[in-house]
Amino acid sequence: MPSLRAEIVSVGDELLKGQRVNTNASFIARGLGTVGIPVVRITACSDFESEMASVFRETLERADVVLVTGGLGPTRDDRTRKAAGELLGLGLRLDPDALREVERRVTAHGRTMNELMQCQAMVLEGSMAIPNTRGTAAGMIIPAGRRFGGSYLVLMPGVPSEMEAMMELTVLPWLRSLSDTTIIHTPVKTTGIGESTLADIITDIEDSIPDGTSLAYLPHGAGVDLMVSTIARDPRIAERDNAAVVEAIRERAGVFIFGVGTASLEETIIGMLASGGFTLSVAESCTGGLIASRLTDVPGASVSLMQGYIVYSNSAKEELLGVSRGLIDMYGAVSEEVARAMALGCLRRSGTSIALATTGIAGPGGGSPEKPVGTLCVALARQVSGTGPSVEVRTLHMHGDRLQNKHRFTEAALRELWSALRGEPGG
């Protein structure tokens, strides 16, 4: 078992009202994992001092380290320091290093120090001030005393850039010196498989997982990923056990795994295109440019992605890709025949080695019994030396609202491309 356990408290009415997404908690949790400290609970609470004091008391009774963001600053709703001081019976002191930093920042902006600005350098007695390299309010690491079993309370601002700098420069190095455990998190990225099907495939692996290792399913709009986490005091044991579980999953479900690590599907595809010396063009109707957008999110995509066509209307398919009106009239814009013609036209006009085309019905209207909402036709055309281009076409069916379907169409098209690049038939 780990020697230290952490809880995260996010202060702010805006979190409870749904006006802000709590990205601070996820950043802190990821950081704690790098120093071997697991997070056992994340709490959001209001700006009321009584509520904060109650949450601080409860978390300090459970955890070894409680990390708090929000409520440090110059405005009236910044009451975190006061709530912590009253709970722990601590007064304030002026930290000279923090004061010098506040003065430097204030004068650099051509302003004059006042009492409110000076208050930003006040920290609780007995605490270690955390320098704020991105703002004015100092953070603090506070020993909570024997009453709470030697736990620590860490206070940081809610502004993400300020909190992140404090974590990286001060808090994580300090925690690293206290922790005697190692945590390894390894993402296993899958595509084209649902959560229940994946669970069935690897059920015996889960049943025999080593002590200290856990497996989490992380479903998303287009599939499910896995996170293999291992905690141990010996780094070698953590690495060994984690790698063994990851390898067992790869052997069992490898046909659905496009990567181990943090790389996205589009990053993986760009890497495969570049390493194979392939160039790509895309012709998008129902996906409206989302495929090109995802691919161009990857640095260096310009080495492989040459061109894109957004051909939402039938006339655009005719004019830009050379799809015949007769073909559209005979089979419909959403058909394997039109998808094939789009991919071939894209291949010819762009001169790339691979062309990917999509046409479908995202909804909510436009469907029929033969072609319901969620129908996608995706085609992939490739230049083949000496024999002319080859084309693979598939019809797939998704279930969701318009935006969900567009995202799933994009994921499915990229999955087809990934499968083709690894030399397998479409999944």
Protein backbone atom coordinates (compact mmCIF):
# COMPACT_ATOMS: atom_id res chain seq x y z
CA MET A 1 0.00 0.00 0.00
CA PRO A 2 1.20 3.56 -0.65
CA SER A 3 2.60 5.49 2.27
CA LEU A 4 0.82 8.75 1.30
CA ARG A 5 -2.73 9.42 0.17
CA ALA A 6 -3.95 12.67 -1.30
CA GLU A 7 -7.26 14.46 -1.70
CA ILE A 8 -7.99 17.45 -3.91
CA VAL A 9 -10.38 20.25 -2.98
CA SER A 10 -11.52 22.73 -5.62
CA VAL A 11 -13.06 25.90 -4.19
CA GLY A 12 -15.46 28.00 -6.23
CA ASP A 13 -19.18 28.56 -6.68
CA GLU A 14 -18.58 28.64 -10.44
CA LEU A 15 -17.71 24.93 -10.32
CA LEU A 16 -20.89 24.03 -8.46
CA LYS A 17 -23.02 26.08 -10.85
CA GLY A 18 -21.54 24.37 -13.89
CA GLN A 19 -19.99 27.58 -15.19
CA ARG A 20 -16.45 26.16 -15.22
CA VAL A 21 -14.98 22.73 -15.86
CA ASN A 22 -12.66 21.56 -13.08
CA THR A 23 -9.48 21.19 -15.13
CA ASN A 24 -7.31 22.06 -12.12
CA ALA A 25 -8.18 18.81 -10.36
CA SER A 26 -7.19 16.68 -13.34
CA PHE A 27 -3.87 18.53 -13.69
CA ILE A 28 -3.07 18.04 -10.00
CA ALA A 29 -4.06 14.37 -10.08
CA ARG A 30 -1.80 13.69 -13.05
CA GLY A 31 1.06 15.47 -11.31
CA LEU A 32 0.62 13.50 -8.10
CA GLY A 33 0.79 10.28 -10.09
CA THR A 34 4.27 11.19 -11.28
CA VAL A 35 5.53 11.29 -7.67
CA GLY A 36 3.83 8.10 -6.54
CA ILE A 37 0.95 9.63 -4.57
CA PRO A 38 -2.55 8.36 -5.44
CA VAL A 39 -5.60 10.61 -5.25
CA VAL A 40 -8.40 8.98 -3.27
CA ARG A 41 -11.02 11.73 -3.54
CA ILE A 42 -11.78 14.99 -5.36
CA THR A 43 -14.21 17.48 -3.79
CA ALA A 44 -15.67 20.77 -4.99
CA CYS A 45 -17.04 23.22 -2.43
CA SER A 46 -18.49 26.71 -2.30
CA ASP A 47 -16.76 29.97 -1.38
CA PHE A 48 -18.43 30.14 2.07
CA GLU A 49 -15.82 30.00 4.82
CA SER A 50 -17.88 27.64 7.00
CA GLU A 51 -18.25 25.19 4.12
CA MET A 52 -14.55 25.36 3.28
CA ALA A 53 -13.56 24.81 6.92
CA SER A 54 -15.86 21.77 7.12
CA VAL A 55 -14.41 20.26 3.92
CA PHE A 56 -10.82 20.97 5.03
CA ARG A 57 -11.46 19.27 8.37
CA GLU A 58 -12.99 16.17 6.77
CA THR A 59 -10.27 15.77 4.17
CA LEU A 60 -7.40 16.30 6.62
CA GLU A 61 -8.83 13.56 8.82
CA ARG A 62 -8.69 11.11 5.89
CA ALA A 63 -5.70 12.09 3.76
CA ASP A 64 -2.01 12.74 4.29
CA VAL A 65 -1.95 15.65 1.85
CA VAL A 66 -4.89 17.88 0.89
CA LEU A 67 -4.31 20.13 -2.12
CA VAL A 68 -6.66 23.08 -2.47
CA THR A 69 -7.14 25.40 -5.44
CA GLY A 70 -9.22 28.55 -5.55
CA GLY A 71 -9.99 31.35 -3.16
CA LEU A 72 -6.54 32.94 -3.00
CA GLY A 73 -6.33 36.45 -4.41
CA PRO A 74 -7.36 40.08 -3.99
CA THR A 75 -11.14 39.79 -4.35
CA ARG A 76 -13.79 39.39 -1.65
CA ASP A 77 -14.65 35.81 -2.55
CA ASP A 78 -11.05 34.75 -1.88
CA ARG A 79 -11.55 33.38 1.64
CA THR A 80 -9.56 30.13 1.58
CA ARG A 81 -6.65 31.41 3.64
CA LYS A 82 -9.00 32.72 6.33
CA ALA A 83 -10.98 29.47 6.51
CA ALA A 84 -7.80 27.40 6.84
CA GLY A 85 -6.37 29.74 9.48
CA GLU A 86 -9.49 29.58 11.64
CA LEU A 87 -9.65 25.78 11.39
CA LEU A 88 -6.00 25.32 12.35
CA GLY A 89 -5.81 28.20 14.81
CA LEU A 90 -3.11 30.02 12.87
CA GLY A 91 -2.54 33.72 12.39
CA LEU A 92 -0.92 35.51 9.46
CA ARG A 93 2.64 36.58 8.82
CA LEU A 94 4.14 38.66 6.04
CA ASP A 95 6.50 36.58 3.90
CA PRO A 96 9.38 38.82 2.74
CA ASP A 97 10.16 36.79 -0.41
CA ALA A 98 6.52 36.83 -1.46
CA LEU A 99 6.32 40.55 -0.76
CA ARG A 100 9.33 41.25 -2.97
CA GLU A 101 7.72 39.28 -5.79
CA VAL A 102 4.46 41.22 -5.44
CA GLU A 103 6.34 44.52 -5.45
CA ARG A 104 8.30 43.50 -8.52
CA ARG A 105 5.16 42.60 -10.44
CA VAL A 106 3.27 45.71 -9.35
CA THR A 107 6.04 48.13 -10.28
CA ALA A 108 6.67 46.32 -13.58
CA HIS A 109 3.10 47.22 -14.55
CA GLY A 110 3.57 50.85 -13.54
CA ARG A 111 1.34 50.64 -10.48
CA THR A 112 1.82 51.62 -6.85
CA MET A 113 1.71 49.14 -3.98
CA ASN A 114 -1.32 49.39 -1.70
CA GLU A 115 -2.56 47.48 1.33
CA LEU A 116 -4.67 45.08 -0.74
CA MET A 117 -1.68 44.12 -2.89
CA GLN A 118 0.53 43.68 0.16
CA CYS A 119 -2.02 41.23 1.58
CA GLN A 120 -1.15 38.86 -1.26
CA ALA A 121 2.18 38.21 0.51
CA MET A 122 0.52 37.21 3.80
CA VAL A 123 0.74 33.49 4.62
CA LEU A 124 -0.33 31.45 7.63
CA GLU A 125 2.07 31.10 10.55
CA GLY A 126 4.21 27.97 10.36
CA SER A 127 3.61 27.51 6.66
CA MET A 128 6.07 27.39 3.80
CA ALA A 129 5.25 30.02 1.19
CA ILE A 130 4.92 28.81 -2.39
CA PRO A 131 6.28 31.41 -4.83
CA ASN A 132 3.79 32.59 -7.43
CA THR A 133 5.76 33.10 -10.64
CA ARG A 134 2.63 33.86 -12.69
CA GLY A 135 0.68 36.13 -10.33
CA THR A 136 0.69 37.88 -6.98
CA ALA A 137 -1.08 35.66 -4.40
CA ALA A 138 1.40 33.39 -2.62
CA GLY A 139 0.50 29.76 -2.06
CA MET A 140 1.41 27.87 1.09
CA ILE A 141 2.21 24.41 2.44
CA ILE A 142 0.77 24.17 5.95
CA PRO A 143 1.53 21.43 8.49
CA ALA A 144 -1.88 20.66 10.03
CA GLY A 145 -0.41 19.50 13.34
CA ARG A 146 -1.02 16.58 15.66
CA ARG A 147 -4.77 17.18 15.62
CA PHE A 148 -4.79 15.85 12.05
CA GLY A 149 -2.06 13.23 12.41
CA GLY A 150 0.68 15.23 10.74
CA SER A 151 -1.23 15.85 7.50
CA TYR A 152 -0.48 18.79 5.22
CA LEU A 153 -2.77 21.38 3.68
CA VAL A 154 -1.52 22.91 0.42
CA LEU A 155 -3.23 26.11 -0.73
CA MET A 156 -2.89 27.38 -4.30
CA PRO A 157 -4.74 29.93 -6.47
CA GLY A 158 -7.49 28.78 -8.82
CA VAL A 159 -6.01 30.50 -11.88
CA PRO A 160 -4.70 27.50 -13.88
CA SER A 161 -1.42 29.08 -15.03
CA GLU A 162 -0.56 30.15 -11.47
CA MET A 163 -1.48 26.80 -9.93
CA GLU A 164 0.37 24.79 -12.59
CA ALA A 165 3.58 26.75 -12.08
CA MET A 166 3.35 26.25 -8.30
CA MET A 167 2.81 22.51 -8.74
CA GLU A 168 5.71 22.04 -11.13
CA LEU A 169 8.25 24.32 -9.44
CA THR A 170 7.52 23.78 -5.74
CA VAL A 171 4.77 21.36 -4.74
CA LEU A 172 5.75 18.29 -6.77
CA PRO A 173 9.47 18.48 -5.85
CA TRP A 174 8.45 18.79 -2.18
CA LEU A 175 6.07 15.83 -2.41
CA ARG A 176 8.63 13.76 -4.26
CA SER A 177 10.90 14.04 -1.21
CA LEU A 178 8.11 12.65 1.02
CA SER A 179 6.90 9.79 -1.17
CA ASP A 180 8.49 6.35 -1.19
CA THR A 181 6.28 4.83 -3.86
CA THR A 182 6.20 4.73 -7.65
CA ILE A 183 3.06 4.93 -9.77
CA ILE A 184 3.07 4.00 -13.45
CA HIS A 185 0.07 4.79 -15.64
CA THR A 186 0.07 3.31 -19.15
CA PRO A 187 -2.77 4.21 -21.54
CA VAL A 188 -3.78 1.52 -24.02
CA LYS A 189 -5.64 3.15 -26.92
CA THR A 190 -8.26 1.13 -28.78
CA THR A 191 -10.62 1.83 -31.66
CA GLY A 192 -13.53 -0.04 -33.19
CA ILE A 193 -14.54 -1.98 -30.07
CA GLY A 194 -17.07 -1.37 -27.32
CA GLU A 195 -16.49 -1.53 -23.59
CA SER A 196 -18.40 -4.77 -22.95
CA THR A 197 -16.77 -6.57 -25.89
CA LEU A 198 -13.31 -5.48 -24.79
CA ALA A 199 -14.05 -6.60 -21.23
CA ASP A 200 -15.09 -10.04 -22.49
CA ILE A 201 -11.84 -10.39 -24.43
CA ILE A 202 -9.56 -9.58 -21.49
CA THR A 203 -11.64 -10.87 -18.56
CA ASP A 204 -9.09 -13.53 -17.54
CA ILE A 205 -6.31 -10.93 -17.62
CA GLU A 206 -8.27 -8.81 -15.15
CA ASP A 207 -8.81 -11.85 -12.92
CA SER A 208 -5.05 -12.51 -12.67
CA ILE A 209 -3.81 -8.94 -12.38
CA PRO A 210 -0.85 -8.51 -9.94
CA ASP A 211 -1.30 -6.85 -6.55
CA GLY A 212 -0.84 -3.09 -6.84
CA THR A 213 -2.06 -3.01 -10.44
CA SER A 214 -5.49 -1.88 -11.56
CA LEU A 215 -7.27 -1.60 -14.89
CA ALA A 216 -9.66 1.24 -15.71
CA TYR A 217 -11.98 1.47 -18.71
CA LEU A 218 -12.18 4.96 -20.18
CA PRO A 219 -15.07 5.06 -22.66
CA HIS A 220 -15.41 8.05 -24.98
CA GLY A 221 -17.63 9.09 -27.84
CA ALA A 222 -15.94 6.85 -30.38
CA GLY A 223 -14.80 3.86 -28.36
CA VAL A 224 -12.96 2.95 -25.19
CA ASP A 225 -9.40 3.22 -23.91
CA LEU A 226 -7.76 1.37 -21.05
CA MET A 227 -5.51 2.70 -18.29
CA VAL A 228 -3.17 0.21 -16.65
CA SER A 229 -1.96 1.63 -13.30
CA THR A 230 0.62 0.07 -11.02
CA ILE A 231 1.83 1.29 -7.62
CA ALA A 232 4.76 -0.19 -5.72
CA ARG A 233 7.61 0.88 -3.47
CA ASP A 234 10.17 -0.73 -5.77
CA PRO A 235 10.22 1.02 -9.19
CA ARG A 236 11.47 -2.15 -10.85
CA ILE A 237 8.47 -4.13 -9.61
CA ALA A 238 6.10 -1.38 -10.74
CA GLU A 239 7.62 -1.34 -14.22
CA ARG A 240 7.67 -5.15 -14.48
CA ASP A 241 4.06 -5.69 -13.39
CA ASN A 242 2.71 -2.82 -15.45
CA ALA A 243 4.51 -3.95 -18.60
CA ALA A 244 3.33 -7.54 -18.13
CA VAL A 245 -0.35 -6.52 -18.00
CA VAL A 246 0.02 -4.17 -20.98
CA GLU A 247 1.69 -6.88 -23.04
CA ALA A 248 -1.02 -9.41 -22.14
CA ILE A 249 -3.69 -6.97 -23.32
CA ARG A 250 -1.79 -6.29 -26.54
CA GLU A 251 -1.56 -10.00 -27.29
CA ARG A 252 -5.27 -10.50 -26.68
CA ALA A 253 -6.77 -7.35 -28.23
CA GLY A 254 -3.98 -6.15 -30.51
CA VAL A 255 -6.18 -5.86 -33.60
CA PHE A 256 -8.10 -3.05 -31.88
CA ILE A 257 -5.10 -1.31 -30.26
CA PHE A 258 -3.63 1.57 -32.23
CA GLY A 259 -1.18 2.70 -29.58
CA VAL A 260 0.25 2.35 -26.10
CA GLY A 261 0.94 5.74 -24.56
CA THR A 262 -0.52 9.17 -25.01
CA ALA A 263 -0.56 9.42 -28.82
CA SER A 264 -3.99 9.99 -30.37
CA LEU A 265 -5.34 8.10 -33.37
CA GLU A 266 -4.55 11.04 -35.65
CA GLU A 267 -1.00 11.29 -34.28
CA THR A 268 -0.55 7.58 -34.91
CA ILE A 269 -1.84 7.91 -38.46
CA ILE A 270 0.39 10.88 -39.30
CA GLY A 271 3.35 8.90 -38.01
CA MET A 272 2.43 5.88 -40.13
CA LEU A 273 1.95 8.02 -43.24
CA ALA A 274 5.29 9.74 -42.74
CA SER A 275 7.24 6.56 -42.03
CA GLY A 276 5.72 4.87 -45.09
CA GLY A 277 6.33 7.84 -47.36
CA PHE A 278 2.62 8.18 -48.15
CA THR A 279 0.70 11.34 -48.93
CA LEU A 280 -2.99 11.81 -48.13
CA SER A 281 -5.92 13.86 -49.38
CA VAL A 282 -9.45 13.87 -47.97
CA ALA A 283 -12.89 14.49 -49.47
CA GLU A 284 -15.50 15.19 -46.82
CA SER A 285 -19.23 15.63 -47.08
CA CYS A 286 -20.95 14.64 -43.81
CA THR A 287 -17.84 15.23 -41.68
CA GLY A 288 -17.53 18.81 -42.91
CA GLY A 289 -13.75 19.11 -42.57
CA LEU A 290 -13.42 17.42 -39.17
CA ILE A 291 -11.07 14.74 -40.52
CA ALA A 292 -8.69 17.36 -41.92
CA SER A 293 -9.03 19.36 -38.71
CA ARG A 294 -8.04 16.42 -36.51
CA LEU A 295 -5.11 15.51 -38.72
CA THR A 296 -3.83 19.10 -38.87
CA ASP A 297 -3.92 19.26 -35.07
CA VAL A 298 -0.79 17.08 -35.25
CA PRO A 299 2.51 18.99 -35.59
CA GLY A 300 4.23 18.04 -38.82
CA ALA A 301 1.03 16.91 -40.52
CA SER A 302 1.97 18.94 -43.60
CA VAL A 303 4.55 16.29 -44.50
CA SER A 304 1.72 13.84 -45.26
CA LEU A 305 -1.61 15.68 -45.58
CA MET A 306 -1.60 17.50 -48.90
CA GLN A 307 -5.14 18.58 -49.66
CA GLY A 308 -8.76 18.51 -48.54
CA TYR A 309 -12.13 19.02 -50.19
CA ILE A 310 -15.34 19.86 -48.32
CA VAL A 311 -18.02 18.82 -50.79
CA TYR A 312 -21.21 19.15 -48.82
CA SER A 313 -23.54 19.76 -51.76
CA ASN A 314 -24.11 17.53 -54.75
CA SER A 315 -22.91 20.27 -57.09
CA ALA A 316 -19.64 20.52 -55.15
CA LYS A 317 -19.13 16.77 -55.54
CA GLU A 318 -19.62 17.19 -59.28
CA GLU A 319 -17.51 20.32 -59.78
CA LEU A 320 -14.60 19.60 -57.45
CA LEU A 321 -14.32 15.81 -57.63
CA GLY A 322 -15.94 14.93 -60.94
CA VAL A 323 -18.70 12.77 -59.46
CA SER A 324 -21.37 12.36 -62.15
CA ARG A 325 -24.87 13.69 -61.60
CA GLY A 326 -26.24 10.46 -63.02
CA LEU A 327 -24.46 8.43 -60.33
CA ILE A 328 -25.87 10.65 -57.60
CA ASP A 329 -29.39 10.49 -59.07
CA MET A 330 -29.25 6.72 -59.42
CA TYR A 331 -27.78 5.74 -56.04
CA GLY A 332 -28.14 8.84 -53.87
CA ALA A 333 -25.44 11.08 -52.43
CA VAL A 334 -25.09 8.73 -49.47
CA SER A 335 -24.08 5.51 -51.18
CA GLU A 336 -21.04 3.34 -51.65
CA GLU A 337 -21.04 4.21 -55.35
CA VAL A 338 -20.80 7.95 -54.68
CA ALA A 339 -18.24 7.46 -51.89
CA ARG A 340 -16.12 5.43 -54.31
CA ALA A 341 -16.36 8.16 -56.98
CA MET A 342 -15.47 10.82 -54.39
CA ALA A 343 -12.35 8.93 -53.30
CA LEU A 344 -11.22 8.31 -56.88
CA GLY A 345 -11.83 11.93 -57.87
CA CYS A 346 -9.93 13.12 -54.82
CA LEU A 347 -7.04 10.78 -55.64
CA ARG A 348 -6.83 11.93 -59.27
CA ARG A 349 -7.13 15.64 -58.61
CA SER A 350 -4.77 15.79 -55.64
CA GLY A 351 -2.10 13.44 -56.93
CA THR A 352 -1.62 11.89 -53.48
CA SER A 353 -0.96 8.23 -52.86
CA ILE A 354 -4.06 7.79 -50.66
CA ALA A 355 -7.48 9.49 -50.66
CA LEU A 356 -10.16 9.16 -47.97
CA ALA A 357 -13.81 10.10 -48.63
CA THR A 358 -16.92 10.29 -46.44
CA THR A 359 -20.61 10.76 -47.20
CA GLY A 360 -23.39 10.11 -44.71
CA ILE A 361 -26.50 11.20 -42.82
CA ALA A 362 -25.69 12.89 -39.51
CA GLY A 363 -29.32 13.77 -38.71
CA PRO A 364 -31.61 14.63 -37.18
CA GLY A 365 -33.48 14.51 -40.51
CA GLY A 366 -32.66 13.10 -43.92
CA GLY A 367 -32.88 9.42 -43.05
CA SER A 368 -35.03 6.68 -44.56
CA PRO A 369 -35.76 3.03 -43.75
CA GLU A 370 -33.07 2.01 -46.25
CA LYS A 371 -30.59 4.68 -45.12
CA PRO A 372 -31.35 5.68 -41.53
CA VAL A 373 -29.78 8.58 -39.67
CA GLY A 374 -26.27 7.53 -38.69
CA THR A 375 -25.45 5.88 -42.02
CA LEU A 376 -21.87 6.47 -43.18
CA CYS A 377 -20.26 5.45 -46.44
CA VAL A 378 -16.47 5.71 -46.29
CA ALA A 379 -14.11 5.00 -49.18
CA LEU A 380 -10.34 4.74 -49.32
CA ALA A 381 -8.55 4.91 -52.68
CA ARG A 382 -4.88 4.09 -53.17
CA GLN A 383 -2.47 4.36 -56.05
CA VAL A 384 -1.21 0.90 -57.01
CA SER A 385 1.84 0.77 -59.24
CA GLY A 386 1.15 -0.77 -62.63
CA THR A 387 -2.53 -1.61 -62.08
CA GLY A 388 -4.21 1.71 -61.43
CA PRO A 389 -5.99 2.81 -58.27
CA SER A 390 -7.71 0.42 -55.86
CA VAL A 391 -10.71 1.40 -53.78
CA GLU A 392 -12.19 -0.05 -50.59
CA VAL A 393 -15.69 1.06 -49.56
CA ARG A 394 -17.73 0.31 -46.45
CA THR A 395 -21.11 1.30 -45.09
CA LEU A 396 -21.31 1.75 -41.33
CA HIS A 397 -24.13 2.71 -38.98
CA MET A 398 -23.84 4.97 -35.93
CA HIS A 399 -26.34 5.91 -33.25
CA GLY A 400 -26.39 9.39 -31.76
CA ASP A 401 -27.40 12.97 -32.26
CA ARG A 402 -25.97 15.11 -35.05
CA LEU A 403 -22.77 16.16 -33.30
CA GLN A 404 -22.15 12.69 -31.88
CA ASN A 405 -22.62 11.15 -35.32
CA LYS A 406 -20.22 13.61 -36.94
CA HIS A 407 -17.57 12.77 -34.37
CA ARG A 408 -18.19 9.04 -34.75
CA PHE A 409 -18.11 9.31 -38.55
CA THR A 410 -14.71 10.99 -38.25
CA GLU A 411 -13.40 8.34 -35.89
CA ALA A 412 -14.68 5.55 -38.13
CA ALA A 413 -13.05 7.06 -41.21
CA LEU A 414 -9.73 7.46 -39.43
CA ARG A 415 -10.04 3.90 -38.17
CA GLU A 416 -10.46 2.69 -41.76
CA LEU A 417 -7.34 4.60 -42.75
CA TRP A 418 -5.39 3.21 -39.79
CA SER A 419 -6.46 -0.34 -40.65
CA ALA A 420 -5.39 0.12 -44.27
CA LEU A 421 -2.01 1.53 -43.28
CA ARG A 422 -1.26 -1.44 -41.08
CA GLY A 423 -2.19 -3.76 -43.93
CA GLU A 424 -5.43 -5.12 -42.53
CA PRO A 425 -8.97 -5.08 -43.87
CA GLY A 426 -11.19 -2.39 -42.36
CA GLY A 427 -12.31 -3.11 -38.78
